[in-house]
Amino acid sequence: MQSTPLLLSSSRAEPEPTASTAQIQKKVKTIGTAAAAGLILLLLFLSSNSRGSGAAGSASAALETGSFKASGELSKPLLLSPLIDKGELLVARELSRTVNGHSGYITTTSTGGKDNHIFFWYQPCTECSDDKSEAPLIQWFNGGPGSPDTVGVFNQIGKSYVDEDLKLQDRCFTICRKASCLFLDSPVGTGYSFQGDPDVDVDEVEFTRTSAETAEQAVDVLAQFLELFPEHKASPYYIQGLSYAGHYVPHMGRAVLDKLKGLDLRGVNVGDPAMDHAREVVEYPNVFKTFGFVDDLEFQALSRMMLESKRLAESGDCVGAFTVWNKVFNDDGGSSCEPHCEFLYETWTGSGNTEHALIDEQPKEFDYFRKWLKVDGHEEEIHVAGSPAAGDSGASLSEGGEMYSTMVESGDFCENTTPIFAELVKSGVDVVISAGNMDVLLGPAMVGEAIKGVVESLGEGALEEFAGSEKQIWRVEGKVVGFAKCIKREGYFCYVVMNNSGHEGFSYQPRASFDLNERLISRKFGWWGGRDEEELPQCKESEGGAGPLLDL
């Protein structure tokens, strides 16, 4: 099903279910189907907030979602759109309760009319007023293509991370306490999201081909989410992400402005974004030489390869451009070149980690959450049991595979998204783009070249104004963490370099990343030398992005 996004009207928060309701919900999860139906009837009878076709219809719709089996344990993915369509929002909210908030599936349609069940995880603010409409709503895109948003939940901005003992720990620098956060495994085929029946063969899946299509579907999911949690129809709304979110985020911003005109989109923030392959790719040879990764012969070979990748991208051969580029980075995990893939970065440097110049292997902490999800019934707890990626199915919770290759084959991988970022600025939306100076994939050389396209698209004189604008040293609690340059049009445009950060800023530099988010929310772009009006969280050394990675 696909709902038609409409002009949103502001809505006061519907009260969260009461403590007695929550106690009922705990019992629902431990009993059989018939008893569950009875308790849902009781829940609706006790609540004065239920809407729709009545208690009997509510119970029936809840059971139609496939949330329970006879033993009372979760056996199928929790599909919430049938309940949303019938207005049974209290039931949907209760059934979707999970760690740090709510999770489940919202259904939209593919271009070809198939049901795409998109997994979401909503973490409502806890350091905010009872009226959550006053707090920001941040929607996160993890990139990839095909990287699941559970990475964002556990390794980036969510309220908890997983330690080496596979225990949840509170994240100190989460941005999801003062703001509410919405994570989507998007597009379909990413993470726990799936198409049609959970048992459908992967060869029959219609993968989303472009970031524009991804945004169209994500906007439909967002519209349904706002029906389920109407308090956020009036919230200040922000879109954030990293890496391939340099494609997802601007398209999402454009789609929101077009389809959800009542939503207050205030800003976007993308770290280490892919924005313009042809412009970025020619910067790699000098970066590799500056870091000392290559000798003269390797430098010459890399220069030839990147010029060829640029030429192919500009001629419309995105597959060819990607193939040449991927021989260096093996960024899709080898899915495009099995059984043997060149990985020249590893050959030349001895390092298999392209996301941080100083770390030769991806930190083991990054993988703890994947192990946590697979044990102790946690997949049932977040309502994804029975989905293709759940259990021991062998499906991946990492980027790559068919989702990635589809974006390459469609040409989306090579699209220049910088004019869309400029559109957002000219629509009054603040745009912040950052790059970590230890990021090999998309560090300041590549991103700094691509952002010229954003500034050029802002209109006559913008490029000269930006070039002449003051470069401010960025400090957090007295420590230099990078620099920033900003110009003002209808909205602000800021380019930020983050010191000692790899490809995932919130993991490698959570303190600076937290500060950057605070600046976006409060629009503090004029002075980067430190902010006295608001202290950052005081954290133990073992807390932060992924525990031990705090402030490398």
Protein backbone atom coordinates (compact mmCIF):
# COMPACT_ATOMS: atom_id res chain seq x y z
CA MET A 1 0.00 0.00 0.00
CA GLN A 2 1.09 3.57 -0.57
CA SER A 3 -0.50 6.43 1.25
CA THR A 4 -0.63 9.84 -0.40
CA PRO A 5 1.39 12.34 1.63
CA LEU A 6 -0.81 15.31 2.49
CA LEU A 7 -0.35 18.75 3.96
CA LEU A 8 0.39 18.09 7.61
CA SER A 9 -1.54 19.85 10.32
CA SER A 10 0.09 20.50 13.66
CA SER A 11 -1.00 18.08 16.32
CA ARG A 12 -0.58 18.04 20.05
CA ALA A 13 1.05 14.92 21.41
CA GLU A 14 -1.20 11.98 22.00
CA PRO A 15 -0.32 10.78 25.52
CA GLU A 16 1.99 7.80 25.78
CA PRO A 17 0.15 4.72 27.06
CA THR A 18 -0.13 4.70 30.83
CA ALA A 19 1.87 2.55 33.22
CA SER A 20 -1.04 0.16 33.61
CA THR A 21 -1.21 -0.16 29.83
CA ALA A 22 2.49 -0.93 29.71
CA GLN A 23 1.99 -3.66 32.30
CA ILE A 24 -0.74 -5.15 30.13
CA GLN A 25 1.60 -5.08 27.15
CA LYS A 26 4.25 -7.04 29.07
CA LYS A 27 1.67 -9.72 29.73
CA VAL A 28 0.58 -9.73 26.09
CA LYS A 29 4.05 -10.86 25.05
CA THR A 30 4.02 -13.88 27.36
CA ILE A 31 0.66 -15.46 26.56
CA GLY A 32 -1.15 -17.08 23.66
CA THR A 33 -3.07 -15.52 20.81
CA ALA A 34 -6.54 -15.70 22.29
CA ALA A 35 -5.47 -14.18 25.57
CA ALA A 36 -3.55 -11.51 23.70
CA ALA A 37 -6.71 -10.55 21.85
CA GLY A 38 -8.58 -10.30 25.12
CA LEU A 39 -5.98 -8.07 26.67
CA ILE A 40 -5.94 -5.81 23.63
CA LEU A 41 -9.70 -5.48 24.00
CA LEU A 42 -9.21 -4.56 27.64
CA LEU A 43 -6.48 -2.09 26.72
CA LEU A 44 -8.77 -0.34 24.27
CA PHE A 45 -11.64 -0.31 26.74
CA LEU A 46 -9.43 1.35 29.36
CA SER A 47 -8.04 3.93 26.95
CA SER A 48 -9.91 7.05 25.97
CA ASN A 49 -7.49 7.74 23.15
CA SER A 50 -8.30 4.90 20.75
CA ARG A 51 -9.57 5.81 17.31
CA GLY A 52 -10.99 3.88 14.40
CA SER A 53 -13.35 0.97 13.93
CA GLY A 54 -13.72 -0.21 17.51
CA ALA A 55 -12.17 -2.67 19.91
CA ALA A 56 -13.07 -5.86 18.08
CA GLY A 57 -11.64 -4.52 14.85
CA SER A 58 -8.51 -3.45 16.73
CA ALA A 59 -7.86 -6.89 18.13
CA SER A 60 -8.46 -8.48 14.75
CA ALA A 61 -6.13 -6.06 13.01
CA ALA A 62 -3.44 -6.63 15.64
CA LEU A 63 -3.56 -10.36 15.06
CA GLU A 64 -3.48 -9.85 11.29
CA THR A 65 -0.08 -8.19 11.65
CA GLY A 66 1.41 -11.61 12.39
CA SER A 67 2.89 -10.45 15.67
CA PHE A 68 2.08 -13.59 17.66
CA LYS A 69 2.09 -17.34 17.31
CA ALA A 70 0.26 -19.83 19.48
CA SER A 71 3.02 -19.96 22.11
CA GLY A 72 2.80 -16.20 22.46
CA GLU A 73 6.31 -15.53 21.20
CA LEU A 74 7.03 -13.27 18.26
CA SER A 75 7.26 -15.30 15.09
CA LYS A 76 6.81 -12.86 12.22
CA PRO A 77 7.90 -9.31 11.48
CA LEU A 78 5.61 -6.74 13.12
CA LEU A 79 3.77 -5.05 10.24
CA LEU A 80 2.13 -1.88 11.53
CA SER A 81 0.60 -0.30 8.42
CA PRO A 82 -2.66 -2.32 8.70
CA LEU A 83 -3.16 -0.84 12.16
CA ILE A 84 -2.21 2.66 11.04
CA ASP A 85 -4.67 2.42 8.13
CA LYS A 86 -7.47 1.51 10.53
CA GLY A 87 -6.55 4.27 12.98
CA GLU A 88 -5.68 1.80 15.74
CA LEU A 89 -2.69 3.83 16.81
CA LEU A 90 -2.64 2.93 20.49
CA VAL A 91 -2.49 -0.77 19.67
CA ALA A 92 0.30 -0.17 17.15
CA ARG A 93 2.27 1.89 19.64
CA GLU A 94 1.91 -0.74 22.33
CA LEU A 95 2.87 -3.65 20.09
CA SER A 96 5.91 -1.78 18.77
CA ARG A 97 7.48 -1.08 22.16
CA THR A 98 11.12 -2.15 22.39
CA VAL A 99 14.52 -1.17 23.77
CA ASN A 100 14.78 2.63 23.99
CA GLY A 101 11.51 3.20 22.15
CA HIS A 102 9.50 1.59 19.37
CA SER A 103 10.31 -0.56 16.34
CA GLY A 104 8.56 -2.51 13.62
CA TYR A 105 7.69 -2.28 9.94
CA ILE A 106 5.87 0.34 7.91
CA THR A 107 4.80 -0.73 4.42
CA THR A 108 5.20 1.32 1.27
CA THR A 109 5.22 0.28 -2.39
CA SER A 110 7.99 -0.21 -4.91
CA THR A 111 7.94 1.46 -8.30
CA GLY A 112 6.53 -1.80 -9.68
CA GLY A 113 3.78 -1.97 -7.05
CA LYS A 114 5.27 -4.54 -4.66
CA ASP A 115 5.00 -4.21 -0.88
CA ASN A 116 8.20 -2.90 0.67
CA HIS A 117 8.27 -3.48 4.42
CA ILE A 118 10.67 -0.90 5.86
CA PHE A 119 12.08 -1.55 9.32
CA PHE A 120 12.13 1.48 11.60
CA TRP A 121 13.47 2.12 15.08
CA TYR A 122 12.15 5.20 16.85
CA GLN A 123 13.97 6.48 19.94
CA PRO A 124 11.94 9.29 21.56
CA CYS A 125 13.69 12.04 23.47
CA THR A 126 13.98 11.60 27.23
CA GLU A 127 15.57 14.93 28.17
CA CYS A 128 12.67 16.97 26.84
CA SER A 129 9.27 18.21 27.92
CA ASP A 130 6.23 15.95 28.01
CA ASP A 131 5.14 17.63 24.79
CA LYS A 132 7.60 15.97 22.42
CA SER A 133 6.52 18.26 19.59
CA GLU A 134 8.81 20.89 21.11
CA ALA A 135 11.91 18.69 20.67
CA PRO A 136 13.60 18.10 17.31
CA LEU A 137 12.93 14.96 15.27
CA ILE A 138 16.12 13.71 13.60
CA GLN A 139 15.87 11.20 10.76
CA TRP A 140 19.08 9.24 10.14
CA PHE A 141 20.39 7.65 6.92
CA ASN A 142 23.43 5.42 7.24
CA GLY A 143 24.50 5.30 3.59
CA GLY A 144 26.20 2.34 1.97
CA PRO A 145 24.40 1.85 -0.38
CA GLY A 146 22.78 -0.82 1.74
CA SER A 147 24.26 -0.06 5.15
CA PRO A 148 21.58 -0.75 7.79
CA ASP A 149 20.50 1.95 10.21
CA THR A 150 21.18 -0.39 13.11
CA VAL A 151 24.75 0.86 12.54
CA GLY A 152 23.45 4.33 13.32
CA VAL A 153 21.50 3.02 16.31
CA PHE A 154 24.45 1.27 17.96
CA ASN A 155 27.67 2.73 16.51
CA GLN A 156 26.70 6.32 15.79
CA ILE A 157 23.99 8.33 17.54
CA GLY A 158 21.54 6.00 19.32
CA LYS A 159 21.03 5.84 23.07
CA SER A 160 23.02 2.62 23.60
CA TYR A 161 26.04 0.77 22.29
CA VAL A 162 27.08 -2.86 22.74
CA ASP A 163 30.23 -3.70 24.71
CA GLU A 164 32.59 -6.66 24.32
CA ASP A 165 30.45 -8.72 26.71
CA LEU A 166 27.45 -8.12 24.42
CA LYS A 167 25.75 -5.94 27.01
CA LEU A 168 23.99 -2.67 26.27
CA GLN A 169 25.68 0.42 27.69
CA ASP A 170 24.40 3.99 27.71
CA ARG A 171 26.06 6.13 25.06
CA CYS A 172 27.31 9.37 26.55
CA PHE A 173 27.24 11.44 23.36
CA THR A 174 23.92 10.27 21.97
CA ILE A 175 21.90 12.98 20.27
CA CYS A 176 18.71 11.00 20.92
CA ARG A 177 18.04 12.21 24.45
CA LYS A 178 17.37 15.89 23.79
CA ALA A 179 15.99 15.06 20.33
CA SER A 180 13.89 12.16 19.08
CA CYS A 181 15.54 9.94 16.47
CA LEU A 182 14.04 7.92 13.63
CA PHE A 183 16.11 5.20 11.96
CA LEU A 184 15.06 3.40 8.76
CA ASP A 185 16.64 0.38 7.07
CA SER A 186 16.15 1.99 3.68
CA PRO A 187 15.84 1.23 0.81
CA VAL A 188 14.31 -2.23 0.79
CA GLY A 189 16.91 -4.98 0.93
CA THR A 190 18.89 -3.01 3.48
CA GLY A 191 19.26 -4.61 6.92
CA TYR A 192 15.97 -6.03 8.17
CA SER A 193 13.75 -4.45 5.51
CA PHE A 194 12.26 -6.82 2.97
CA GLN A 195 9.80 -7.08 0.09
CA GLY A 196 6.59 -9.08 -0.08
CA ASP A 197 6.66 -12.33 1.84
CA PRO A 198 9.67 -12.99 4.11
CA ASP A 199 10.34 -16.19 2.16
CA VAL A 200 10.55 -14.49 -1.25
CA ASP A 201 13.61 -15.44 -3.28
CA VAL A 202 16.17 -12.64 -3.57
CA ASP A 203 16.08 -13.02 -7.37
CA GLU A 204 12.44 -11.92 -7.32
CA VAL A 205 13.02 -8.76 -5.30
CA GLU A 206 12.56 -5.45 -7.11
CA PHE A 207 15.38 -3.41 -5.60
CA THR A 208 15.02 0.36 -5.41
CA ARG A 209 17.14 1.76 -8.22
CA THR A 210 17.81 5.37 -7.28
CA SER A 211 18.10 7.70 -4.31
CA ALA A 212 15.11 9.64 -5.64
CA GLU A 213 12.98 6.47 -5.47
CA THR A 214 14.41 5.78 -2.01
CA ALA A 215 13.29 9.21 -0.88
CA GLU A 216 9.79 8.82 -2.35
CA GLN A 217 9.31 5.63 -0.36
CA ALA A 218 10.93 7.05 2.78
CA VAL A 219 8.59 10.04 2.66
CA ASP A 220 5.61 7.67 2.57
CA VAL A 221 7.05 5.80 5.56
CA LEU A 222 7.58 9.13 7.35
CA ALA A 223 3.99 10.20 6.65
CA GLN A 224 2.70 6.98 8.22
CA PHE A 225 5.12 7.34 11.13
CA LEU A 226 3.69 10.81 11.77
CA GLU A 227 0.20 9.32 11.91
CA LEU A 228 1.44 6.79 14.45
CA PHE A 229 3.30 9.45 16.47
CA PRO A 230 1.37 12.64 15.62
CA GLU A 231 3.20 14.68 18.26
CA HIS A 232 6.03 15.01 15.77
CA LYS A 233 3.96 16.69 13.07
CA ALA A 234 4.86 19.96 14.78
CA SER A 235 8.46 19.07 15.64
CA PRO A 236 11.46 20.83 14.12
CA TYR A 237 12.68 18.22 11.63
CA TYR A 238 16.27 17.43 10.63
CA ILE A 239 17.78 14.89 8.24
CA GLN A 240 21.24 13.54 8.98
CA GLY A 241 23.53 10.75 7.87
CA LEU A 242 26.91 9.81 6.47
CA SER A 243 28.69 8.56 3.35
CA TYR A 244 26.14 7.54 0.67
CA ALA A 245 23.66 9.66 2.61
CA GLY A 246 25.22 12.37 0.46
CA HIS A 247 22.73 10.97 -2.07
CA TYR A 248 19.90 9.91 0.25
CA VAL A 249 19.70 13.07 2.39
CA PRO A 250 19.35 15.76 -0.31
CA HIS A 251 16.77 13.69 -2.17
CA MET A 252 14.88 13.15 1.10
CA GLY A 253 14.98 16.88 1.80
CA ARG A 254 13.63 17.67 -1.66
CA ALA A 255 10.87 15.06 -1.32
CA VAL A 256 9.82 16.34 2.11
CA LEU A 257 9.59 19.92 0.86
CA ASP A 258 7.49 18.70 -2.07
CA LYS A 259 5.23 16.14 -0.36
CA LEU A 260 5.05 17.01 3.36
CA LYS A 261 4.63 20.74 3.17
CA GLY A 262 3.48 21.10 6.77
CA LEU A 263 6.64 19.54 8.17
CA ASP A 264 9.17 22.04 9.50
CA LEU A 265 12.41 20.94 7.78
CA ARG A 266 15.10 23.10 9.35
CA GLY A 267 18.42 21.49 8.56
CA VAL A 268 20.48 18.65 7.14
CA ASN A 269 23.87 17.38 8.27
CA VAL A 270 25.92 14.82 6.33
CA GLY A 271 29.34 13.52 7.31
CA ASP A 272 31.92 12.39 4.74
CA PRO A 273 29.34 12.41 1.93
CA ALA A 274 29.52 10.95 -1.56
CA MET A 275 28.13 13.74 -3.74
CA ASP A 276 29.86 13.90 -7.13
CA HIS A 277 31.97 10.91 -8.16
CA ALA A 278 33.54 12.58 -11.20
CA ARG A 279 34.71 15.54 -9.16
CA GLU A 280 35.87 13.56 -6.11
CA VAL A 281 37.71 10.72 -7.77
CA VAL A 282 40.63 12.71 -9.21
CA GLU A 283 41.71 13.79 -5.73
CA TYR A 284 42.71 10.31 -4.56
CA PRO A 285 46.24 10.17 -6.03
CA ASN A 286 47.46 13.23 -4.13
CA VAL A 287 45.76 12.04 -0.95
CA PHE A 288 47.47 8.66 -1.19
CA LYS A 289 50.83 10.29 -1.84
CA THR A 290 50.42 12.76 1.04
CA PHE A 291 49.62 9.95 3.47
CA GLY A 292 52.61 7.99 2.16
CA PHE A 293 50.49 5.11 0.90
CA VAL A 294 52.07 4.80 -2.56
CA ASP A 295 55.44 5.02 -4.28
CA ASP A 296 55.94 6.86 -7.56
CA LEU A 297 54.93 3.95 -9.80
CA GLU A 298 51.80 3.26 -7.73
CA PHE A 299 50.98 6.98 -7.76
CA GLN A 300 51.15 7.01 -11.55
CA ALA A 301 48.98 3.90 -11.83
CA LEU A 302 46.41 5.34 -9.43
CA SER A 303 46.36 8.64 -11.33
CA ARG A 304 45.60 6.84 -14.60
CA MET A 305 42.84 4.79 -12.97
CA MET A 306 41.11 7.75 -11.36
CA LEU A 307 41.23 9.82 -14.54
CA GLU A 308 39.66 6.87 -16.37
CA SER A 309 36.96 6.56 -13.70
CA LYS A 310 36.20 10.28 -14.07
CA ARG A 311 36.02 9.97 -17.87
CA LEU A 312 33.66 7.00 -17.70
CA ALA A 313 31.41 8.70 -15.15
CA GLU A 314 31.14 11.84 -17.27
CA SER A 315 30.36 9.74 -20.36
CA GLY A 316 27.44 8.04 -18.58
CA ASP A 317 29.14 4.69 -17.97
CA CYS A 318 28.67 4.49 -14.21
CA VAL A 319 29.29 0.74 -14.07
CA GLY A 320 32.63 1.24 -15.79
CA ALA A 321 33.53 4.18 -13.56
CA PHE A 322 32.67 2.21 -10.44
CA THR A 323 34.54 -0.90 -11.59
CA VAL A 324 37.78 1.04 -12.00
CA TRP A 325 37.36 2.88 -8.68
CA ASN A 326 36.37 -0.28 -6.82
CA LYS A 327 39.60 -2.03 -7.82
CA VAL A 328 41.25 0.28 -5.33
CA PHE A 329 38.70 0.25 -2.50
CA ASN A 330 36.69 -3.00 -2.77
CA ASP A 331 33.91 -0.92 -1.28
CA ASP A 332 31.04 -3.29 -2.07
CA GLY A 333 32.65 -6.15 -0.16
CA GLY A 334 33.47 -8.01 -3.35
CA SER A 335 29.89 -8.57 -4.49
CA SER A 336 30.61 -7.15 -7.96
CA CYS A 337 33.77 -9.14 -8.71
CA GLU A 338 33.51 -12.57 -7.08
CA PRO A 339 35.31 -14.94 -6.86
CA HIS A 340 38.41 -12.73 -7.05
CA CYS A 341 38.55 -9.02 -6.36
CA GLU A 342 41.41 -6.59 -6.60
CA PHE A 343 41.88 -4.51 -3.47
CA LEU A 344 44.79 -2.26 -4.35
CA TYR A 345 44.51 -0.14 -1.22
CA GLU A 346 45.23 -3.25 0.84
CA THR A 347 47.97 -4.35 -1.58
CA TRP A 348 49.71 -0.97 -1.39
CA THR A 349 49.28 -0.26 2.34
CA GLY A 350 48.79 -3.61 4.07
CA SER A 351 45.61 -2.17 5.62
CA GLY A 352 42.13 -3.49 4.98
CA ASN A 353 40.42 -0.48 6.56
CA THR A 354 39.68 2.29 4.06
CA GLU A 355 37.76 4.36 6.60
CA HIS A 356 40.66 5.60 8.77
CA ALA A 357 44.22 6.24 7.63
CA LEU A 358 45.75 5.37 11.01
CA ILE A 359 43.84 2.17 11.80
CA ASP A 360 44.65 -0.88 9.66
CA GLU A 361 41.58 -2.92 10.61
CA GLN A 362 38.04 -1.83 11.27
CA PRO A 363 37.64 -1.66 15.06
CA LYS A 364 36.23 -4.88 16.49
CA GLU A 365 33.83 -2.74 18.54
CA PHE A 366 31.93 -1.92 15.35
CA ASP A 367 30.71 -5.52 15.04
CA TYR A 368 29.51 -6.16 18.59
CA PHE A 369 25.97 -5.00 17.87
CA ARG A 370 25.56 -7.54 15.06
CA LYS A 371 26.42 -10.32 17.50
CA TRP A 372 24.06 -8.85 20.11
CA LEU A 373 21.16 -8.83 17.68
CA LYS A 374 21.57 -12.57 17.03
CA VAL A 375 21.47 -13.74 20.68
CA ASP A 376 19.06 -13.86 23.61
CA GLY A 377 15.95 -13.17 21.56
CA HIS A 378 16.91 -9.60 20.70
CA GLU A 379 15.59 -9.90 17.15
CA GLU A 380 12.21 -10.85 18.58
CA GLU A 381 12.50 -7.96 21.01
CA ILE A 382 12.84 -5.48 18.14
CA HIS A 383 10.09 -7.24 16.14
CA VAL A 384 12.13 -8.48 13.17
CA ALA A 385 11.98 -12.24 13.85
CA GLY A 386 11.03 -14.04 10.65
CA SER A 387 12.46 -11.40 8.32
CA PRO A 388 15.02 -12.52 5.71
CA ALA A 389 17.97 -11.05 7.65
CA ALA A 390 16.89 -12.49 11.00
CA GLY A 391 18.27 -15.58 12.70
CA ASP A 392 20.81 -17.76 10.92
CA SER A 393 19.51 -16.97 7.45
CA GLY A 394 22.92 -15.86 6.27
CA ALA A 395 21.48 -12.58 5.03
CA SER A 396 23.80 -9.64 5.58
CA LEU A 397 23.51 -6.77 8.02
CA SER A 398 26.32 -5.02 6.14
CA GLU A 399 26.40 -2.93 2.98
CA GLY A 400 27.13 -4.39 -0.43
CA GLY A 401 25.32 -7.06 -2.40
CA GLU A 402 22.33 -6.53 -4.68
CA MET A 403 21.28 -3.24 -3.11
CA TYR A 404 24.68 -1.71 -3.78
CA SER A 405 25.04 -3.07 -7.32
CA THR A 406 21.54 -1.86 -8.25
CA MET A 407 22.48 1.72 -7.35
CA VAL A 408 25.62 1.40 -9.48
CA GLU A 409 23.83 -0.11 -12.47
CA SER A 410 21.16 2.60 -12.44
CA GLY A 411 23.80 5.34 -12.49
CA ASP A 412 22.75 6.65 -9.09
CA PHE A 413 26.25 6.03 -7.72
CA CYS A 414 27.64 8.61 -10.16
CA GLU A 415 24.89 11.22 -9.77
CA ASN A 416 25.96 14.74 -8.84
CA THR A 417 23.77 15.69 -5.87
CA THR A 418 25.44 19.03 -5.09
CA PRO A 419 22.76 21.12 -6.88
CA ILE A 420 20.09 19.52 -4.66
CA PHE A 421 21.97 20.59 -1.52
CA ALA A 422 21.98 24.11 -2.98
CA GLU A 423 18.21 23.86 -3.59
CA LEU A 424 17.74 23.13 0.10
CA VAL A 425 19.83 26.13 1.15
CA LYS A 426 17.83 28.37 -1.20
CA SER A 427 14.64 26.98 0.37
CA GLY A 428 15.77 28.20 3.79
CA VAL A 429 17.17 24.88 5.03
CA ASP A 430 20.53 24.95 6.83
CA VAL A 431 23.05 22.56 5.26
CA VAL A 432 26.14 21.29 7.11
CA ILE A 433 28.65 19.05 5.35
CA SER A 434 31.65 17.69 7.24
CA ALA A 435 34.70 15.58 6.42
CA GLY A 436 37.07 13.73 8.73
CA ASN A 437 40.71 14.45 7.93
CA MET A 438 41.74 10.82 8.51
CA ASP A 439 39.03 9.46 6.17
CA VAL A 440 40.62 7.76 3.17
CA LEU A 441 37.35 7.23 1.30
CA LEU A 442 35.77 10.68 1.48
CA GLY A 443 38.05 13.02 3.38
CA PRO A 444 38.57 16.78 2.96
CA ALA A 445 40.29 16.59 -0.44
CA MET A 446 37.39 14.73 -2.05
CA VAL A 447 34.55 16.40 -0.15
CA GLY A 448 36.20 19.82 -0.34
CA GLU A 449 36.32 19.54 -4.13
CA ALA A 450 32.70 18.37 -4.37
CA ILE A 451 31.28 21.13 -2.17
CA LYS A 452 32.39 23.64 -4.79
CA GLY A 453 29.44 22.30 -6.77
CA VAL A 454 27.09 23.21 -3.92
CA VAL A 455 28.45 26.74 -3.69
CA GLU A 456 28.46 27.26 -7.47
CA SER A 457 24.78 26.26 -7.52
CA LEU A 458 23.93 28.91 -4.91
CA GLY A 459 24.17 31.56 -7.61
CA GLU A 460 26.36 34.30 -8.96
CA GLY A 461 29.11 35.43 -6.64
CA ALA A 462 28.64 32.63 -4.13
CA LEU A 463 31.87 30.83 -5.00
CA GLU A 464 33.93 33.99 -4.56
CA GLU A 465 32.13 34.84 -1.32
CA PHE A 466 32.70 31.37 0.10
CA ALA A 467 36.37 31.38 -0.89
CA GLY A 468 36.83 34.71 0.86
CA SER A 469 34.82 33.84 3.98
CA GLU A 470 36.63 33.47 7.28
CA LYS A 471 37.99 30.04 8.14
CA GLN A 472 37.22 29.65 11.83
CA ILE A 473 39.14 27.32 14.13
CA TRP A 474 36.62 24.99 15.76
CA ARG A 475 37.11 24.31 19.45
CA VAL A 476 35.18 22.11 21.85
CA GLU A 477 35.86 22.60 25.56
CA GLY A 478 39.09 24.39 24.67
CA LYS A 479 40.39 21.64 22.38
CA VAL A 480 40.91 22.28 18.66
CA VAL A 481 38.73 19.78 16.79
CA GLY A 482 38.75 21.21 13.26
CA PHE A 483 37.69 24.26 11.27
CA ALA A 484 34.57 25.63 9.61
CA LYS A 485 33.59 27.99 6.79
CA CYS A 486 30.00 29.23 6.42
CA ILE A 487 28.01 31.54 4.19
CA LYS A 488 24.41 32.68 4.55
CA ARG A 489 21.75 32.67 1.89
CA GLU A 490 18.11 31.84 2.70
CA GLY A 491 19.66 29.13 4.86
CA TYR A 492 23.21 28.62 6.06
CA PHE A 493 25.75 26.52 4.20
CA CYS A 494 28.69 25.31 6.30
CA TYR A 495 31.65 23.13 5.38
CA VAL A 496 33.43 21.60 8.38
CA VAL A 497 36.66 19.60 8.66
CA MET A 498 36.87 17.34 11.72
CA ASN A 499 40.33 16.52 13.06
CA ASN A 500 41.46 12.92 13.71
CA SER A 501 38.18 11.51 12.46
CA GLY A 502 37.64 8.65 10.07
CA HIS A 503 34.68 7.92 7.84
CA GLU A 504 32.17 7.72 10.71
CA GLY A 505 32.48 10.89 12.75
CA PHE A 506 30.08 9.98 15.54
CA SER A 507 32.14 6.84 16.21
CA TYR A 508 35.65 8.28 15.90
CA GLN A 509 34.98 11.76 17.31
CA PRO A 510 31.70 11.63 19.26
CA ARG A 511 32.42 14.74 21.33
CA ALA A 512 33.03 16.96 18.30
CA SER A 513 30.14 15.35 16.41
CA PHE A 514 27.80 16.00 19.33
CA ASP A 515 28.88 19.64 19.35
CA LEU A 516 28.31 19.91 15.60
CA ASN A 517 24.77 18.61 16.01
CA GLU A 518 24.12 21.12 18.81
CA ARG A 519 25.29 23.92 16.52
CA LEU A 520 22.92 22.78 13.77
CA ILE A 521 19.93 22.61 16.12
CA SER A 522 20.66 25.99 17.74
CA ARG A 523 21.94 27.65 14.51
CA LYS A 524 25.21 28.67 16.21
CA PHE A 525 27.23 29.08 13.03
CA GLY A 526 28.75 32.51 13.65
CA TRP A 527 31.33 31.60 16.29
CA TRP A 528 33.21 28.29 16.43
CA GLY A 529 35.66 29.08 19.21
CA GLY A 530 33.62 27.42 21.95
CA ARG A 531 30.13 27.74 23.38
CA ASP A 532 29.67 28.83 26.99
CA GLU A 533 25.91 28.63 27.07
CA GLU A 534 25.70 24.86 27.07
CA GLU A 535 28.11 22.28 28.46
CA LEU A 536 28.64 18.97 26.75
CA PRO A 537 27.97 15.72 28.60
CA GLN A 538 30.75 14.70 30.97
CA CYS A 539 31.65 11.14 30.08
CA LYS A 540 33.74 8.33 31.44
CA GLU A 541 36.67 7.43 29.21
CA SER A 542 35.00 4.11 28.38
CA GLU A 543 31.85 5.78 27.06
CA GLY A 544 31.16 7.39 23.73
CA GLY A 545 30.73 6.35 20.12
CA ALA A 546 31.85 2.74 20.38
CA GLY A 547 33.38 2.80 23.83
CA PRO A 548 37.18 2.73 23.44
CA LEU A 549 37.14 4.91 20.31
CA LEU A 550 36.27 8.06 22.25
CA ASP A 551 38.36 11.00 21.01
CA LEU A 552 41.23 9.28 19.21
